[in-house]
Amino acid sequence: MTSTSRDEEKDNYWESLLQLPTRLTSAYLDAWLTASLFVGGVVRAHLDFIEPYLTAVNSFWEEERKKLPTTPPDANIRDYALLARFNLQIAQSGLKSSQAQMSKYHKQEFIRLLQALFNTFFGNSGGETLDRYMAEKAEVLGRLVVEYPDAIRDIGEEYGFHPEKGAYILAGETERMAIYQVLPTKPGVKIDPLMKPIIVCHPYVLGPNILVFLPKEDKSYVHAFANFGIPTYIRIIKDIQTNEAVQVMTGEDDARDTARLCRIVKEKHGKPVTLNGFCQGGFVCLADILTGELDGLVDALITCVAPMDGTRSRGLVEYLQHIAPRFRNLTYAKKMLPSGNEVIDGKVMSWVYKLKSIWREAPLFTYYRDISLFENMLRKGIEGVGSTAAAINHWLIYDRTDLPIAITQMSFDSYTIPISPEGDLPFRLFGRRLNLGYLQEKGIRFLICYAGNDDLVDPPSALAPKDYVDVELAEFPKGHAAIATSWSHPESEYALHKRYPNGQRGPVRFQLDLDEELEMTKRKVRSL
């Protein structure tokens, strides 16, 4: 080492010592800010978890007040002992996952903190110093605890279904439903009225917004069809809070209304409709077709991450098996609306799913997971809060809605009674058997889209129909909502209009190919 370099090193060392009081003061102030933000974040995380818990507890005790006096004391003791054990298991699972997440995070941060202290006191100006370390923590928690909730609330202006903005045309309605045509967002694209139309149906419990995610960012499931000129419609269930017909609707009502809307669309475009249901919407669409009410109107079915046989969903089935039979009843989720009609409380249903996946839904687990996510975003230079993450959370927090009892009972039956060996669904509509073989009998083409890493609807549950009828499959990476979010972008790896390396094809490509097949068939008929 030359004398010049030694002199420079000494100068840097003394300079760092002179800066030490300033750095320590800055670090001290940021540490206090970080601590206050951290505590606020912990409180918020627990409040978000406790709110549906309190709703569920209130609903539970309303029902138990009726049952306790009429149930033998020994049965009460037995059932409540089982319930206490179940609660203990849930608590242990949540605590274990939270401890693992916290331990992993703090081990990494302890090493970083020691290195920052060393750099600060021993003059290593090239490394991370204590003031920089604490400034990053304050910035991360500021984004997570202060900016993130505001971003989630504000994203509602550009996220989801907004018919008032003129991007959709009302094409028909019933007492319970409305159907809107989706207009393209891609410049220069016009809808071809002669193409085969498609109607997309959203799940009852979480509404239509997930299917119209972020249209301005080209992340919208329904616009992925419309932007190819396909006549695309979205079926909207009317507001259950203000519409009594929705509050008391049945599976038969769903089938009749869907048939009426399909007839409107078929008459307009001169071709049979493709029915496309997302999540619970896919299951209800299948049941509607099997009733026979849609005969001559629908010739193709697409389901996306739909629970077709809930008994094959291992997580929820294992959860239900730990609950005493007395408590496996939808009556614990009912609530009375001002109209006097009973419905299923959407908050209670969301609480059930939180408990089912408590290992990743526990407040501290999710809080530390989000801290790590925001730290990674900051280090990558990503400014602010990502719109995709904000929109997903807006969907999960604000889009929960109450459900008609009869519709929920259909889903509940599917999670407690398997499809029969003959292919019958575990309930009847119009007094008729709902047999999967009907699809083959009517020549209805069937594409099942599922997510390989779906922890809400297990792939075996989504794929159940393939054991009974010929179906086409399309597997997508990532989780439950990815088909409607990540993969709806036209430039993504699994964009919906593409053919994939495994020989499968996305739902938009499936629809385009069906239209081409119809045209070829028409040309052959004309040439005869």
Protein backbone atom coordinates (compact mmCIF):
# COMPACT_ATOMS: atom_id res chain seq x y z
CA MET A 1 0.00 0.00 0.00
CA THR A 2 1.44 3.40 -0.98
CA SER A 3 1.70 6.27 1.46
CA THR A 4 -0.93 8.19 -0.55
CA SER A 5 -3.50 5.41 -0.21
CA ARG A 6 -2.72 5.10 3.53
CA ASP A 7 -3.27 8.83 3.91
CA GLU A 8 -6.60 8.60 2.07
CA GLU A 9 -7.66 5.72 4.30
CA LYS A 10 -6.82 7.73 7.41
CA ASP A 11 -8.71 10.72 6.07
CA ASN A 12 -11.77 8.54 5.36
CA TYR A 13 -11.55 7.04 8.85
CA TRP A 14 -11.40 10.41 10.60
CA GLU A 15 -14.12 11.75 8.37
CA SER A 16 -16.38 8.81 9.31
CA LEU A 17 -15.64 9.45 13.01
CA LEU A 18 -16.62 13.09 12.60
CA GLN A 19 -19.88 11.96 10.98
CA LEU A 20 -20.59 9.44 13.76
CA PRO A 21 -22.69 11.75 15.99
CA THR A 22 -24.86 12.75 13.04
CA ARG A 23 -25.29 9.14 11.93
CA LEU A 24 -26.17 7.96 15.43
CA THR A 25 -28.68 10.75 15.88
CA SER A 26 -30.28 9.97 12.53
CA ALA A 27 -30.36 6.26 13.34
CA TYR A 28 -31.87 6.96 16.78
CA LEU A 29 -34.69 9.07 15.32
CA ASP A 30 -35.43 6.54 12.58
CA ALA A 31 -35.39 3.75 15.16
CA TRP A 32 -38.12 5.49 17.16
CA LEU A 33 -40.14 6.07 13.99
CA THR A 34 -39.65 2.44 12.94
CA ALA A 35 -40.75 1.18 16.36
CA SER A 36 -43.95 3.23 16.34
CA LEU A 37 -44.77 2.17 12.77
CA PHE A 38 -44.03 -1.46 13.60
CA VAL A 39 -46.38 -1.47 16.58
CA GLY A 40 -49.08 0.24 14.53
CA GLY A 41 -48.69 -2.40 11.83
CA VAL A 42 -48.98 -5.24 14.34
CA VAL A 43 -52.18 -3.74 15.75
CA ARG A 44 -53.66 -3.24 12.27
CA ALA A 45 -52.80 -6.82 11.22
CA HIS A 46 -54.56 -8.21 14.27
CA LEU A 47 -57.60 -5.95 13.86
CA ASP A 48 -58.02 -7.10 10.24
CA PHE A 49 -57.95 -10.67 11.56
CA ILE A 50 -60.21 -10.11 14.55
CA GLU A 51 -63.03 -8.27 12.74
CA PRO A 52 -64.37 -11.35 10.89
CA TYR A 53 -63.63 -13.41 14.01
CA LEU A 54 -66.01 -11.28 16.09
CA THR A 55 -68.66 -11.55 13.37
CA ALA A 56 -68.26 -15.33 13.32
CA VAL A 57 -68.41 -15.60 17.13
CA ASN A 58 -71.60 -13.53 17.26
CA SER A 59 -73.21 -15.69 14.57
CA PHE A 60 -72.08 -18.84 16.39
CA TRP A 61 -73.59 -17.83 19.74
CA GLU A 62 -76.86 -16.73 18.16
CA GLU A 63 -77.31 -20.30 16.94
CA GLU A 64 -75.97 -21.95 20.08
CA ARG A 65 -78.41 -20.05 22.30
CA LYS A 66 -81.15 -22.07 20.58
CA LYS A 67 -79.31 -25.41 20.68
CA LEU A 68 -77.78 -25.46 24.16
CA PRO A 69 -81.05 -25.76 26.16
CA THR A 70 -82.40 -28.53 23.89
CA THR A 71 -79.21 -30.62 23.69
CA PRO A 72 -78.38 -33.24 26.38
CA PRO A 73 -75.67 -32.04 28.81
CA ASP A 74 -73.30 -34.91 27.93
CA ALA A 75 -73.56 -34.02 24.24
CA ASN A 76 -72.84 -30.35 25.00
CA ILE A 77 -69.76 -31.29 27.03
CA ARG A 78 -68.48 -33.65 24.34
CA ASP A 79 -69.02 -31.22 21.46
CA TYR A 80 -67.48 -28.27 23.27
CA ALA A 81 -64.48 -30.37 24.31
CA LEU A 82 -63.92 -31.23 20.65
CA LEU A 83 -64.37 -27.57 19.72
CA ALA A 84 -61.83 -26.51 22.35
CA ARG A 85 -59.32 -29.03 21.03
CA PHE A 86 -59.90 -27.82 17.49
CA ASN A 87 -59.34 -24.19 18.55
CA LEU A 88 -56.12 -25.22 20.28
CA GLN A 89 -54.90 -26.95 17.11
CA ILE A 90 -55.70 -23.86 15.04
CA ALA A 91 -53.87 -21.61 17.51
CA GLN A 92 -50.84 -23.91 17.57
CA SER A 93 -50.66 -24.00 13.78
CA GLY A 94 -50.86 -20.20 13.52
CA LEU A 95 -48.30 -19.72 16.29
CA LYS A 96 -45.89 -22.21 14.75
CA SER A 97 -45.96 -20.59 11.30
CA SER A 98 -45.65 -17.11 12.83
CA GLN A 99 -42.65 -18.12 14.93
CA ALA A 100 -40.94 -19.68 11.91
CA GLN A 101 -41.51 -16.53 9.81
CA MET A 102 -40.34 -14.20 12.58
CA SER A 103 -37.27 -16.32 13.35
CA LYS A 104 -36.23 -16.45 9.70
CA TYR A 105 -36.61 -12.67 9.34
CA HIS A 106 -34.84 -11.66 12.55
CA LYS A 107 -31.89 -14.00 11.96
CA GLN A 108 -31.24 -12.30 8.63
CA GLU A 109 -31.71 -8.84 10.10
CA PHE A 110 -29.44 -9.52 13.09
CA ILE A 111 -26.53 -10.25 10.76
CA ARG A 112 -27.28 -7.09 8.77
CA LEU A 113 -27.50 -5.02 11.95
CA LEU A 114 -24.15 -6.28 13.25
CA GLN A 115 -22.49 -5.47 9.95
CA ALA A 116 -24.07 -1.99 9.94
CA LEU A 117 -22.79 -1.35 13.48
CA PHE A 118 -19.30 -2.48 12.50
CA ASN A 119 -19.30 -0.24 9.42
CA THR A 120 -20.53 2.71 11.46
CA PHE A 121 -18.00 2.53 14.29
CA PHE A 122 -14.99 1.33 12.33
CA GLY A 123 -15.26 3.63 9.38
CA ASN A 124 -16.18 1.24 6.54
CA SER A 125 -17.89 3.91 4.48
CA GLY A 126 -18.42 1.56 1.52
CA GLY A 127 -20.78 -0.69 3.49
CA GLU A 128 -24.23 -0.17 4.95
CA THR A 129 -24.09 2.01 8.06
CA LEU A 130 -26.51 2.11 10.97
CA ASP A 131 -28.25 5.28 9.82
CA ARG A 132 -28.82 3.82 6.33
CA TYR A 133 -30.09 0.59 7.83
CA MET A 134 -32.61 2.35 10.08
CA ALA A 135 -33.63 4.74 7.30
CA GLU A 136 -34.52 1.75 5.14
CA LYS A 137 -36.60 0.20 7.93
CA ALA A 138 -38.49 3.47 8.44
CA GLU A 139 -39.11 3.78 4.69
CA VAL A 140 -40.34 0.18 4.37
CA LEU A 141 -42.71 0.37 7.33
CA GLY A 142 -43.94 3.79 6.21
CA ARG A 143 -44.92 2.30 2.88
CA LEU A 144 -46.48 -0.81 4.44
CA VAL A 145 -48.32 0.70 7.40
CA VAL A 146 -49.23 4.18 6.10
CA GLU A 147 -49.21 4.19 2.29
CA TYR A 148 -50.37 0.63 1.60
CA PRO A 149 -53.83 0.84 3.24
CA ASP A 150 -54.48 4.12 1.42
CA ALA A 151 -53.35 2.57 -1.88
CA ILE A 152 -55.64 -0.43 -1.34
CA ARG A 153 -58.62 1.84 -0.74
CA ASP A 154 -57.83 4.26 -3.57
CA ILE A 155 -57.20 1.56 -6.21
CA GLY A 156 -60.96 1.04 -6.31
CA GLU A 157 -61.21 3.95 -8.76
CA GLU A 158 -59.32 2.09 -11.49
CA TYR A 159 -59.77 -1.52 -10.41
CA GLY A 160 -62.70 -3.74 -11.25
CA PHE A 161 -66.08 -3.39 -12.91
CA HIS A 162 -67.30 0.20 -13.41
CA PRO A 163 -70.26 0.22 -15.82
CA GLU A 164 -70.84 3.91 -15.13
CA LYS A 165 -67.65 4.77 -17.02
CA GLY A 166 -69.10 3.68 -20.38
CA ALA A 167 -66.78 0.73 -21.04
CA TYR A 168 -69.67 -1.74 -20.94
CA ILE A 169 -73.08 -1.96 -22.58
CA LEU A 170 -76.09 -3.36 -20.74
CA ALA A 171 -77.39 -6.16 -22.98
CA GLY A 172 -80.15 -7.65 -20.82
CA GLU A 173 -81.29 -8.31 -17.28
CA THR A 174 -83.59 -10.29 -15.01
CA GLU A 175 -84.75 -9.68 -11.45
CA ARG A 176 -81.51 -11.16 -10.16
CA MET A 177 -78.91 -10.66 -12.89
CA ALA A 178 -77.67 -8.25 -15.51
CA ILE A 179 -75.47 -8.95 -18.49
CA TYR A 180 -73.04 -6.40 -19.94
CA GLN A 181 -71.09 -6.51 -23.17
CA VAL A 182 -67.41 -5.79 -22.59
CA LEU A 183 -65.87 -3.26 -24.99
CA PRO A 184 -62.23 -3.59 -26.11
CA THR A 185 -59.54 -1.48 -24.46
CA LYS A 186 -56.97 -2.12 -27.19
CA PRO A 187 -56.89 0.73 -29.75
CA GLY A 188 -58.21 -0.17 -33.17
CA VAL A 189 -59.95 -3.39 -32.07
CA LYS A 190 -63.64 -3.72 -32.91
CA ILE A 191 -66.01 -6.47 -31.80
CA ASP A 192 -66.88 -8.87 -34.63
CA PRO A 193 -70.61 -9.57 -34.13
CA LEU A 194 -70.37 -12.72 -36.26
CA MET A 195 -67.88 -14.44 -33.96
CA LYS A 196 -68.90 -16.99 -31.36
CA PRO A 197 -69.92 -15.14 -28.13
CA ILE A 198 -68.83 -15.90 -24.58
CA ILE A 199 -70.49 -15.13 -21.24
CA VAL A 200 -68.20 -14.95 -18.20
CA CYS A 201 -69.73 -15.62 -14.76
CA HIS A 202 -68.15 -14.41 -11.53
CA PRO A 203 -68.24 -16.17 -8.13
CA TYR A 204 -71.05 -15.15 -5.82
CA VAL A 205 -68.90 -14.59 -2.75
CA LEU A 206 -66.25 -12.23 -4.15
CA GLY A 207 -68.02 -10.53 -7.03
CA PRO A 208 -67.01 -9.56 -10.59
CA ASN A 209 -64.06 -7.24 -9.94
CA ILE A 210 -61.42 -9.98 -10.06
CA LEU A 211 -62.46 -10.64 -13.69
CA VAL A 212 -62.04 -6.95 -14.59
CA PHE A 213 -58.86 -6.53 -12.60
CA LEU A 214 -56.81 -3.61 -13.97
CA PRO A 215 -58.01 -2.93 -17.54
CA LYS A 216 -55.71 0.09 -18.01
CA GLU A 217 -52.70 -2.15 -17.29
CA ASP A 218 -53.94 -4.92 -19.64
CA LYS A 219 -54.69 -7.18 -16.69
CA SER A 220 -58.32 -8.09 -17.17
CA TYR A 221 -59.71 -11.55 -17.85
CA VAL A 222 -62.80 -10.40 -19.74
CA HIS A 223 -60.86 -7.85 -21.80
CA ALA A 224 -58.43 -10.57 -22.84
CA PHE A 225 -61.36 -11.95 -24.90
CA ALA A 226 -62.81 -8.61 -26.03
CA ASN A 227 -59.43 -7.36 -27.25
CA PHE A 228 -59.45 -10.18 -29.84
CA GLY A 229 -62.79 -8.96 -31.21
CA ILE A 230 -64.75 -11.73 -29.47
CA PRO A 231 -68.29 -10.74 -28.40
CA THR A 232 -67.67 -10.90 -24.65
CA TYR A 233 -70.28 -10.57 -21.92
CA ILE A 234 -70.04 -10.58 -18.15
CA ARG A 235 -72.94 -11.86 -16.06
CA ILE A 236 -73.42 -9.74 -12.93
CA ILE A 237 -75.35 -10.87 -9.85
CA LYS A 238 -77.28 -7.85 -8.58
CA ASP A 239 -76.63 -6.38 -5.13
CA ILE A 240 -77.93 -8.81 -2.51
CA GLN A 241 -78.31 -6.06 0.11
CA THR A 242 -80.92 -4.16 -1.90
CA ASN A 243 -82.43 -6.89 -4.08
CA GLU A 244 -84.81 -9.30 -2.34
CA ALA A 245 -84.98 -11.58 -5.39
CA VAL A 246 -81.24 -12.24 -5.01
CA GLN A 247 -81.58 -12.80 -1.26
CA VAL A 248 -83.93 -15.76 -1.79
CA MET A 249 -82.66 -17.05 -5.13
CA THR A 250 -82.15 -20.75 -5.72
CA GLY A 251 -80.12 -22.88 -8.10
CA GLU A 252 -83.21 -23.14 -10.28
CA ASP A 253 -83.42 -19.34 -10.45
CA ASP A 254 -79.77 -19.20 -11.51
CA ALA A 255 -80.35 -21.72 -14.30
CA ARG A 256 -83.51 -20.01 -15.59
CA ASP A 257 -81.95 -16.53 -15.55
CA THR A 258 -78.75 -17.75 -17.19
CA ALA A 259 -80.79 -19.43 -19.93
CA ARG A 260 -82.67 -16.18 -20.56
CA LEU A 261 -79.44 -14.19 -20.86
CA CYS A 262 -77.83 -16.83 -23.09
CA ARG A 263 -80.87 -16.64 -25.39
CA ILE A 264 -80.43 -12.87 -25.73
CA VAL A 265 -76.77 -13.27 -26.67
CA LYS A 266 -77.33 -16.20 -29.06
CA GLU A 267 -80.07 -14.34 -30.91
CA LYS A 268 -77.86 -11.28 -31.27
CA HIS A 269 -74.85 -13.14 -32.70
CA GLY A 270 -76.44 -16.16 -34.35
CA LYS A 271 -74.15 -18.68 -32.65
CA PRO A 272 -74.39 -20.75 -29.49
CA VAL A 273 -72.73 -19.34 -26.40
CA THR A 274 -69.62 -20.43 -24.55
CA LEU A 275 -70.29 -20.28 -20.81
CA ASN A 276 -67.21 -19.45 -18.72
CA GLY A 277 -67.31 -19.56 -14.91
CA PHE A 278 -64.58 -18.46 -12.52
CA CYS A 279 -64.21 -20.24 -9.13
CA GLN A 280 -67.67 -20.85 -7.63
CA GLY A 281 -69.13 -19.38 -10.82
CA GLY A 282 -67.72 -22.32 -12.79
CA PHE A 283 -69.37 -24.84 -10.47
CA VAL A 284 -72.75 -23.09 -10.79
CA CYS A 285 -72.38 -22.89 -14.59
CA LEU A 286 -71.80 -26.64 -14.73
CA ALA A 287 -74.91 -27.28 -12.65
CA ASP A 288 -76.96 -24.93 -14.88
CA ILE A 289 -75.95 -26.83 -18.01
CA LEU A 290 -76.69 -30.23 -16.45
CA THR A 291 -80.27 -29.16 -15.68
CA GLY A 292 -81.03 -29.09 -19.43
CA GLU A 293 -82.35 -25.52 -19.19
CA LEU A 294 -79.52 -24.30 -21.44
CA ASP A 295 -80.06 -26.87 -24.21
CA GLY A 296 -79.56 -25.33 -27.64
CA LEU A 297 -78.10 -22.19 -26.14
CA VAL A 298 -74.68 -23.30 -24.86
CA ASP A 299 -72.30 -25.64 -26.67
CA ALA A 300 -69.06 -25.07 -24.71
CA LEU A 301 -68.03 -24.67 -21.08
CA ILE A 302 -64.87 -23.17 -19.61
CA THR A 303 -64.21 -23.34 -15.88
CA CYS A 304 -61.34 -21.55 -14.16
CA VAL A 305 -60.11 -22.71 -10.72
CA ALA A 306 -63.61 -24.00 -9.98
CA PRO A 307 -64.26 -26.44 -7.10
CA MET A 308 -66.12 -29.21 -8.91
CA ASP A 309 -65.87 -31.80 -6.14
CA GLY A 310 -65.03 -30.12 -2.84
CA THR A 311 -64.43 -33.43 -1.10
CA ARG A 312 -61.19 -33.67 -3.09
CA SER A 313 -60.01 -30.34 -1.66
CA ARG A 314 -57.73 -31.81 1.00
CA GLY A 315 -57.21 -28.67 3.08
CA LEU A 316 -60.87 -27.83 3.61
CA VAL A 317 -61.92 -31.45 4.07
CA GLU A 318 -59.27 -31.98 6.76
CA TYR A 319 -60.46 -28.77 8.40
CA LEU A 320 -64.10 -29.93 8.42
CA GLN A 321 -63.17 -33.37 9.77
CA HIS A 322 -61.75 -31.76 12.92
CA ILE A 323 -65.07 -30.04 13.68
CA ALA A 324 -67.74 -31.88 15.66
CA PRO A 325 -70.68 -32.87 13.38
CA ARG A 326 -72.95 -30.54 15.36
CA PHE A 327 -71.05 -27.49 14.11
CA ARG A 328 -70.85 -28.54 10.44
CA ASN A 329 -73.93 -26.59 9.52
CA LEU A 330 -74.64 -23.50 7.45
CA THR A 331 -77.00 -22.19 10.12
CA TYR A 332 -73.93 -20.88 11.98
CA ALA A 333 -73.25 -18.51 9.09
CA LYS A 334 -76.76 -17.12 8.64
CA LYS A 335 -77.80 -13.56 9.30
CA MET A 336 -81.02 -11.61 8.94
CA LEU A 337 -81.26 -8.67 6.54
CA PRO A 338 -83.60 -5.69 7.11
CA SER A 339 -85.97 -7.26 4.56
CA GLY A 340 -86.51 -10.20 6.92
CA ASN A 341 -84.74 -12.62 4.59
CA GLU A 342 -81.91 -14.79 5.88
CA VAL A 343 -78.65 -14.98 3.92
CA ILE A 344 -75.19 -16.42 4.48
CA ASP A 345 -72.81 -13.87 6.01
CA GLY A 346 -69.89 -13.32 3.63
CA LYS A 347 -67.58 -12.31 6.50
CA VAL A 348 -68.21 -15.59 8.28
CA MET A 349 -67.44 -17.54 5.11
CA SER A 350 -64.20 -15.62 4.64
CA TRP A 351 -63.33 -16.43 8.26
CA VAL A 352 -63.72 -20.16 7.51
CA TYR A 353 -61.17 -19.88 4.71
CA LYS A 354 -58.80 -17.94 6.95
CA LEU A 355 -58.93 -20.69 9.56
CA LYS A 356 -58.48 -23.39 6.93
CA SER A 357 -55.20 -21.77 5.90
CA ILE A 358 -54.21 -20.41 9.30
CA TRP A 359 -50.57 -21.33 8.75
CA ARG A 360 -50.37 -18.54 6.13
CA GLU A 361 -53.21 -16.29 7.35
CA ALA A 362 -52.06 -15.73 10.94
CA PRO A 363 -51.62 -11.97 11.54
CA LEU A 364 -47.91 -12.03 12.44
CA PHE A 365 -47.11 -14.42 9.60
CA THR A 366 -48.73 -12.17 6.99
CA TYR A 367 -47.24 -9.04 8.58
CA TYR A 368 -43.66 -10.29 8.44
CA ARG A 369 -44.23 -11.68 4.96
CA ASP A 370 -45.37 -8.23 3.79
CA ILE A 371 -42.37 -6.53 5.45
CA SER A 372 -40.02 -8.82 3.51
CA LEU A 373 -41.95 -8.15 0.30
CA PHE A 374 -41.74 -4.37 0.70
CA GLU A 375 -38.03 -4.55 1.57
CA ASN A 376 -37.36 -6.47 -1.64
CA MET A 377 -39.35 -3.91 -3.62
CA LEU A 378 -37.37 -1.04 -2.07
CA ARG A 379 -34.00 -2.68 -2.81
CA LYS A 380 -35.05 -3.25 -6.42
CA GLY A 381 -35.84 0.44 -6.75
CA ILE A 382 -39.60 -0.03 -7.09
CA GLU A 383 -41.26 3.21 -6.05
CA GLY A 384 -44.46 3.47 -4.06
CA VAL A 385 -46.94 0.60 -3.75
CA GLY A 386 -47.56 -1.81 -6.61
CA SER A 387 -51.03 -1.52 -8.15
CA THR A 388 -51.37 -5.28 -8.59
CA ALA A 389 -50.79 -5.99 -4.89
CA ALA A 390 -53.13 -3.15 -3.93
CA ALA A 391 -55.88 -4.41 -6.24
CA ILE A 392 -55.61 -8.01 -4.99
CA ASN A 393 -55.97 -6.80 -1.40
CA HIS A 394 -58.87 -4.52 -2.36
CA TRP A 395 -60.60 -7.60 -3.80
CA LEU A 396 -60.00 -9.64 -0.64
CA ILE A 397 -60.94 -6.88 1.82
CA TYR A 398 -63.77 -4.95 0.19
CA ASP A 399 -65.42 -7.35 -2.28
CA ARG A 400 -66.80 -9.90 0.16
CA THR A 401 -70.56 -10.13 -0.09
CA ASP A 402 -73.36 -12.08 1.51
CA LEU A 403 -74.74 -15.13 -0.28
CA PRO A 404 -78.16 -16.66 -0.95
CA ILE A 405 -78.66 -19.69 1.30
CA ALA A 406 -79.73 -22.07 -1.48
CA ILE A 407 -76.71 -21.23 -3.66
CA THR A 408 -74.34 -21.67 -0.72
CA GLN A 409 -75.99 -24.99 0.15
CA MET A 410 -75.06 -26.30 -3.31
CA SER A 411 -71.40 -25.52 -2.66
CA PHE A 412 -71.61 -26.86 0.90
CA ASP A 413 -73.05 -30.14 -0.39
CA SER A 414 -70.18 -30.44 -2.86
CA TYR A 415 -67.66 -30.16 -0.01
CA THR A 416 -69.36 -32.81 2.10
CA ILE A 417 -70.71 -35.29 -0.47
CA PRO A 418 -68.55 -36.48 -3.41
CA ILE A 419 -69.71 -36.84 -6.99
CA SER A 420 -71.29 -40.29 -7.20
CA PRO A 421 -69.58 -43.18 -9.05
CA GLU A 422 -72.18 -42.68 -11.80
CA GLY A 423 -71.19 -39.00 -12.17
CA ASP A 424 -74.09 -37.34 -10.33
CA LEU A 425 -73.57 -34.06 -8.48
CA PRO A 426 -74.59 -34.29 -4.79
CA PHE A 427 -77.85 -32.33 -5.21
CA ARG A 428 -80.73 -31.96 -7.63
CA LEU A 429 -82.22 -28.96 -9.42
CA PHE A 430 -85.79 -28.98 -10.78
CA GLY A 431 -85.95 -32.43 -9.18
CA ARG A 432 -83.53 -33.72 -11.85
CA ARG A 433 -80.30 -35.64 -11.52
CA LEU A 434 -77.29 -33.59 -12.55
CA ASN A 435 -75.12 -36.14 -14.31
CA LEU A 436 -71.80 -35.24 -15.90
CA GLY A 437 -72.45 -37.63 -18.76
CA TYR A 438 -75.01 -35.08 -20.01
CA LEU A 439 -72.11 -32.98 -21.33
CA GLN A 440 -70.99 -35.78 -23.61
CA GLU A 441 -74.55 -36.60 -24.59
CA LYS A 442 -75.09 -33.01 -25.78
CA GLY A 443 -71.64 -32.68 -27.36
CA ILE A 444 -70.62 -29.79 -25.11
CA ARG A 445 -66.93 -28.98 -25.32
CA PHE A 446 -65.33 -28.57 -21.91
CA LEU A 447 -62.08 -26.81 -20.96
CA ILE A 448 -60.90 -26.92 -17.35
CA CYS A 449 -58.33 -24.26 -16.41
CA TYR A 450 -56.65 -24.77 -13.06
CA ALA A 451 -53.71 -23.41 -11.06
CA GLY A 452 -50.89 -25.76 -10.16
CA ASN A 453 -50.17 -23.91 -6.88
CA ASP A 454 -53.77 -23.19 -5.90
CA ASP A 455 -54.17 -23.43 -2.12
CA LEU A 456 -57.85 -22.39 -2.18
CA VAL A 457 -59.18 -24.86 -4.77
CA ASP A 458 -56.90 -27.88 -4.87
CA PRO A 459 -56.22 -29.16 -8.42
CA PRO A 460 -57.86 -32.56 -7.69
CA SER A 461 -61.08 -30.71 -6.84
CA ALA A 462 -61.00 -28.65 -10.04
CA LEU A 463 -60.17 -31.70 -12.18
CA ALA A 464 -62.85 -34.05 -10.82
CA PRO A 465 -65.03 -34.05 -14.02
CA LYS A 466 -62.23 -35.63 -16.07
CA ASP A 467 -62.89 -38.91 -14.29
CA TYR A 468 -66.35 -39.03 -15.89
CA VAL A 469 -66.22 -37.22 -19.25
CA ASP A 470 -63.74 -36.11 -21.88
CA VAL A 471 -62.33 -32.72 -21.00
CA GLU A 472 -59.50 -30.51 -22.16
CA LEU A 473 -57.08 -29.25 -19.51
CA ALA A 474 -54.97 -26.12 -19.16
CA GLU A 475 -52.64 -25.86 -16.18
CA PHE A 476 -51.36 -22.44 -15.15
CA PRO A 477 -48.49 -21.65 -12.78
CA LYS A 478 -48.98 -19.65 -9.57
CA GLY A 479 -52.09 -19.52 -7.40
CA HIS A 480 -55.85 -19.11 -7.41
CA ALA A 481 -56.22 -15.62 -8.89
CA ALA A 482 -53.29 -15.70 -11.34
CA ILE A 483 -55.39 -16.63 -14.41
CA ALA A 484 -57.44 -13.45 -13.93
CA THR A 485 -54.47 -11.25 -13.01
CA SER A 486 -50.92 -12.20 -14.04
CA TRP A 487 -51.82 -14.33 -17.05
CA SER A 488 -54.54 -12.03 -18.41
CA HIS A 489 -51.76 -9.70 -19.59
CA PRO A 490 -51.26 -10.34 -23.33
CA GLU A 491 -47.46 -10.34 -23.07
CA SER A 492 -47.20 -12.71 -20.10
CA GLU A 493 -45.68 -16.17 -20.44
CA TYR A 494 -49.07 -17.87 -20.03
CA ALA A 495 -51.19 -15.26 -21.78
CA LEU A 496 -54.70 -16.56 -22.32
CA HIS A 497 -54.57 -16.47 -26.12
CA LYS A 498 -51.45 -18.63 -26.38
CA ARG A 499 -50.67 -22.28 -26.97
CA TYR A 500 -48.32 -23.56 -24.30
CA PRO A 501 -45.23 -25.80 -24.52
CA ASN A 502 -47.14 -28.74 -22.99
CA GLY A 503 -49.59 -28.72 -25.91
CA GLN A 504 -52.35 -27.06 -23.90
CA ARG A 505 -54.08 -23.79 -24.80
CA GLY A 506 -55.51 -20.88 -22.90
CA PRO A 507 -59.24 -20.07 -22.73
CA VAL A 508 -59.07 -17.24 -25.29
CA ARG A 509 -57.28 -19.53 -27.77
CA PHE A 510 -59.88 -22.23 -27.03
CA GLN A 511 -62.67 -19.75 -27.86
CA LEU A 512 -60.98 -18.53 -31.06
CA ASP A 513 -60.44 -22.10 -32.22
CA LEU A 514 -64.08 -23.00 -31.50
CA ASP A 515 -65.21 -20.07 -33.64
CA GLU A 516 -62.93 -21.17 -36.47
CA GLU A 517 -64.32 -24.73 -36.25
CA LEU A 518 -67.88 -23.39 -36.47
CA GLU A 519 -67.00 -21.37 -39.56
CA MET A 520 -65.37 -24.39 -41.22
CA THR A 521 -68.44 -26.50 -40.49
CA LYS A 522 -70.69 -23.82 -42.00
CA ARG A 523 -68.58 -23.68 -45.16
CA LYS A 524 -68.73 -27.46 -45.54
CA VAL A 525 -72.50 -27.44 -45.15
CA ARG A 526 -72.85 -24.72 -47.79
CA SER A 527 -70.67 -26.65 -50.22
CA LEU A 528 -72.85 -29.78 -50.02
